[in-house]
Amino acid sequence: MRAIVIAGHDGPEVLRAQARPEPAPGPGEVAIDVVYAGVNFADLKAWETGYRVPALPFVPGLEVSGRVRAVRAT
């Protein structure tokens, strides 16, 4: 999969498009093939100040739409 990875809290130069392994869903989760992604206020605050980001680099994306690829029951 491709993802935008944020490597710091500076300008747009810290944004990187990277190939990442496709995550498998954990118990009670689904994996989604994302078709559309939105950027919301929490994503911007995470980029700007580290709001609710445990460590860098991180992949933003709280709002997505797409197709369910895999389901894992609890």
N, C-alpha and C. Protein backbone atom coordinates (compact mmCIF):
# COMPACT_ATOMS: atom_id res chain seq x y z
N MET A 1 0.84 -1.17 0.00
CA MET A 1 0.00 0.00 0.00
C MET A 1 0.88 1.23 0.00
N ARG A 2 0.34 2.34 -0.43
CA ARG A 2 1.03 3.62 -0.37
C ARG A 2 0.42 4.45 0.75
N ALA A 3 1.26 5.21 1.43
CA ALA A 3 0.77 6.05 2.53
C ALA A 3 1.60 7.32 2.59
N ILE A 4 0.96 8.38 3.05
CA ILE A 4 1.68 9.61 3.38
C ILE A 4 2.16 9.45 4.81
N VAL A 5 3.45 9.61 5.01
CA VAL A 5 4.06 9.47 6.33
C VAL A 5 4.56 10.84 6.76
N ILE A 6 4.24 11.24 7.98
CA ILE A 6 4.68 12.52 8.52
C ILE A 6 5.87 12.25 9.43
N ALA A 7 7.00 12.85 9.08
CA ALA A 7 8.25 12.58 9.79
C ALA A 7 8.63 13.67 10.78
N GLY A 8 7.87 14.76 10.85
CA GLY A 8 8.19 15.85 11.76
C GLY A 8 7.04 16.82 11.86
N HIS A 9 7.24 17.89 12.62
CA HIS A 9 6.18 18.87 12.83
C HIS A 9 6.53 20.19 12.16
N ASP A 10 7.11 20.12 10.97
CA ASP A 10 7.49 21.31 10.23
C ASP A 10 6.56 21.50 9.04
N GLY A 11 7.08 22.06 7.97
CA GLY A 11 6.29 22.33 6.77
C GLY A 11 6.07 21.09 5.93
N PRO A 12 5.61 21.30 4.70
CA PRO A 12 5.29 20.16 3.83
C PRO A 12 6.48 19.29 3.46
N GLU A 13 7.69 19.75 3.70
CA GLU A 13 8.87 18.94 3.38
C GLU A 13 8.97 17.68 4.25
N VAL A 14 8.22 17.61 5.34
CA VAL A 14 8.26 16.42 6.21
C VAL A 14 7.28 15.35 5.75
N LEU A 15 6.47 15.63 4.74
CA LEU A 15 5.52 14.64 4.20
C LEU A 15 6.24 13.76 3.20
N ARG A 16 6.07 12.45 3.35
CA ARG A 16 6.71 11.50 2.45
C ARG A 16 5.68 10.47 1.98
N ALA A 17 5.67 10.21 0.68
CA ALA A 17 4.87 9.11 0.16
C ALA A 17 5.74 7.86 0.24
N GLN A 18 5.26 6.83 0.91
CA GLN A 18 6.04 5.61 1.10
C GLN A 18 5.21 4.38 0.79
N ALA A 19 5.90 3.34 0.34
CA ALA A 19 5.28 2.02 0.23
C ALA A 19 5.35 1.39 1.62
N ARG A 20 4.25 0.87 2.08
CA ARG A 20 4.18 0.26 3.41
C ARG A 20 3.52 -1.11 3.28
N PRO A 21 3.82 -2.04 4.18
CA PRO A 21 3.14 -3.34 4.13
C PRO A 21 1.66 -3.18 4.47
N GLU A 22 0.83 -3.99 3.83
CA GLU A 22 -0.60 -3.94 4.13
C GLU A 22 -0.85 -4.54 5.50
N PRO A 23 -1.50 -3.78 6.38
CA PRO A 23 -1.76 -4.30 7.73
C PRO A 23 -2.88 -5.35 7.71
N ALA A 24 -2.74 -6.32 8.57
CA ALA A 24 -3.80 -7.33 8.75
C ALA A 24 -4.70 -6.85 9.89
N PRO A 25 -5.99 -7.09 9.79
CA PRO A 25 -6.88 -6.66 10.87
C PRO A 25 -6.66 -7.48 12.13
N GLY A 26 -6.77 -6.81 13.28
CA GLY A 26 -6.71 -7.49 14.57
C GLY A 26 -8.09 -7.98 14.95
N PRO A 27 -8.23 -8.60 16.11
CA PRO A 27 -9.54 -9.10 16.55
C PRO A 27 -10.58 -7.98 16.61
N GLY A 28 -11.72 -8.21 15.98
CA GLY A 28 -12.79 -7.23 15.96
C GLY A 28 -12.55 -6.06 15.02
N GLU A 29 -11.59 -6.17 14.11
CA GLU A 29 -11.26 -5.10 13.19
C GLU A 29 -11.51 -5.51 11.74
N VAL A 30 -11.51 -4.52 10.85
CA VAL A 30 -11.58 -4.76 9.42
C VAL A 30 -10.39 -4.05 8.77
N ALA A 31 -9.97 -4.53 7.62
CA ALA A 31 -8.97 -3.86 6.79
C ALA A 31 -9.71 -3.27 5.60
N ILE A 32 -9.39 -2.04 5.26
CA ILE A 32 -10.10 -1.32 4.20
C ILE A 32 -9.11 -0.96 3.10
N ASP A 33 -9.48 -1.23 1.85
CA ASP A 33 -8.76 -0.70 0.70
C ASP A 33 -9.30 0.71 0.49
N VAL A 34 -8.52 1.71 0.86
CA VAL A 34 -8.98 3.10 0.85
C VAL A 34 -9.07 3.61 -0.58
N VAL A 35 -10.22 4.21 -0.90
CA VAL A 35 -10.44 4.84 -2.19
C VAL A 35 -10.34 6.36 -2.05
N TYR A 36 -10.89 6.90 -0.97
CA TYR A 36 -10.85 8.33 -0.69
C TYR A 36 -10.42 8.54 0.76
N ALA A 37 -9.62 9.58 0.97
CA ALA A 37 -9.21 9.93 2.33
C ALA A 37 -9.40 11.43 2.52
N GLY A 38 -9.83 11.80 3.71
CA GLY A 38 -9.99 13.21 4.04
C GLY A 38 -8.93 13.65 5.02
N VAL A 39 -8.66 14.93 5.04
CA VAL A 39 -7.76 15.51 6.02
C VAL A 39 -8.62 16.38 6.93
N ASN A 40 -8.63 16.06 8.22
CA ASN A 40 -9.48 16.81 9.13
C ASN A 40 -8.62 17.59 10.13
N PHE A 41 -9.28 18.28 11.05
CA PHE A 41 -8.60 19.13 12.01
C PHE A 41 -7.63 18.33 12.88
N ALA A 42 -8.03 17.15 13.33
CA ALA A 42 -7.14 16.34 14.18
C ALA A 42 -5.88 15.93 13.42
N ASP A 43 -6.00 15.61 12.13
CA ASP A 43 -4.82 15.27 11.33
C ASP A 43 -3.88 16.47 11.24
N LEU A 44 -4.44 17.65 11.02
CA LEU A 44 -3.61 18.85 10.94
C LEU A 44 -2.93 19.17 12.26
N LYS A 45 -3.63 19.02 13.37
CA LYS A 45 -3.04 19.27 14.69
C LYS A 45 -1.95 18.23 15.00
N ALA A 46 -2.15 17.01 14.58
CA ALA A 46 -1.13 15.97 14.77
C ALA A 46 0.14 16.34 14.01
N TRP A 47 -0.02 16.83 12.80
CA TRP A 47 1.12 17.24 11.98
C TRP A 47 1.80 18.46 12.59
N GLU A 48 0.99 19.44 13.00
CA GLU A 48 1.54 20.70 13.49
C GLU A 48 2.17 20.59 14.88
N THR A 49 1.50 19.89 15.81
CA THR A 49 1.92 19.91 17.21
C THR A 49 2.18 18.54 17.82
N GLY A 50 1.86 17.47 17.10
CA GLY A 50 2.00 16.14 17.68
C GLY A 50 0.80 15.71 18.49
N TYR A 51 -0.34 16.38 18.30
CA TYR A 51 -1.57 16.06 19.02
C TYR A 51 -1.92 14.58 18.89
N ARG A 52 -1.91 13.87 20.03
CA ARG A 52 -2.26 12.45 20.11
C ARG A 52 -1.40 11.55 19.23
N VAL A 53 -0.14 11.94 19.02
CA VAL A 53 0.80 11.14 18.24
C VAL A 53 1.84 10.59 19.20
N PRO A 54 1.87 9.26 19.42
CA PRO A 54 2.81 8.70 20.37
C PRO A 54 4.27 8.79 19.93
N ALA A 55 4.52 8.75 18.62
CA ALA A 55 5.90 8.79 18.13
C ALA A 55 5.90 9.15 16.65
N LEU A 56 7.00 9.71 16.20
CA LEU A 56 7.20 9.98 14.78
C LEU A 56 8.03 8.86 14.19
N PRO A 57 7.90 8.55 12.93
CA PRO A 57 6.91 9.04 11.99
C PRO A 57 5.54 8.41 12.23
N PHE A 58 4.50 9.05 11.71
CA PHE A 58 3.16 8.49 11.83
C PHE A 58 2.40 8.68 10.53
N VAL A 59 1.36 7.85 10.36
CA VAL A 59 0.51 7.90 9.17
C VAL A 59 -0.83 8.48 9.59
N PRO A 60 -1.19 9.67 9.07
CA PRO A 60 -2.50 10.25 9.41
C PRO A 60 -3.60 9.53 8.65
N GLY A 61 -4.83 9.85 8.96
CA GLY A 61 -5.95 9.28 8.19
C GLY A 61 -7.07 8.82 9.07
N LEU A 62 -7.77 9.75 9.67
CA LEU A 62 -8.90 9.40 10.53
C LEU A 62 -10.19 9.25 9.73
N GLU A 63 -10.22 9.80 8.53
CA GLU A 63 -11.43 9.75 7.70
C GLU A 63 -11.11 9.06 6.38
N VAL A 64 -11.70 7.91 6.16
CA VAL A 64 -11.47 7.19 4.90
C VAL A 64 -12.78 6.58 4.41
N SER A 65 -12.78 6.28 3.13
CA SER A 65 -13.89 5.58 2.50
C SER A 65 -13.28 4.58 1.52
N GLY A 66 -13.86 3.39 1.45
CA GLY A 66 -13.32 2.40 0.54
C GLY A 66 -14.06 1.09 0.62
N ARG A 67 -13.36 0.01 0.33
CA ARG A 67 -13.94 -1.32 0.32
C ARG A 67 -13.30 -2.19 1.41
N VAL A 68 -14.11 -2.92 2.12
CA VAL A 68 -13.59 -3.83 3.14
C VAL A 68 -12.84 -4.96 2.44
N ARG A 69 -11.56 -5.14 2.81
CA ARG A 69 -10.72 -6.16 2.21
C ARG A 69 -10.68 -7.42 3.06
N ALA A 70 -10.72 -7.27 4.38
CA ALA A 70 -10.62 -8.43 5.27
C ALA A 70 -11.32 -8.11 6.59
N VAL A 71 -11.88 -9.15 7.19
CA VAL A 71 -12.57 -9.03 8.48
C VAL A 71 -12.00 -10.08 9.41
N ARG A 72 -11.79 -9.69 10.66
CA ARG A 72 -11.35 -10.66 11.66
C ARG A 72 -12.30 -10.57 12.84
N ALA A 73 -12.96 -11.68 13.13
CA ALA A 73 -13.92 -11.72 14.23
C ALA A 73 -13.17 -11.71 15.57
N THR A 74 -13.89 -11.39 16.60
CA THR A 74 -13.28 -11.34 17.94
C THR A 74 -13.08 -12.74 18.48
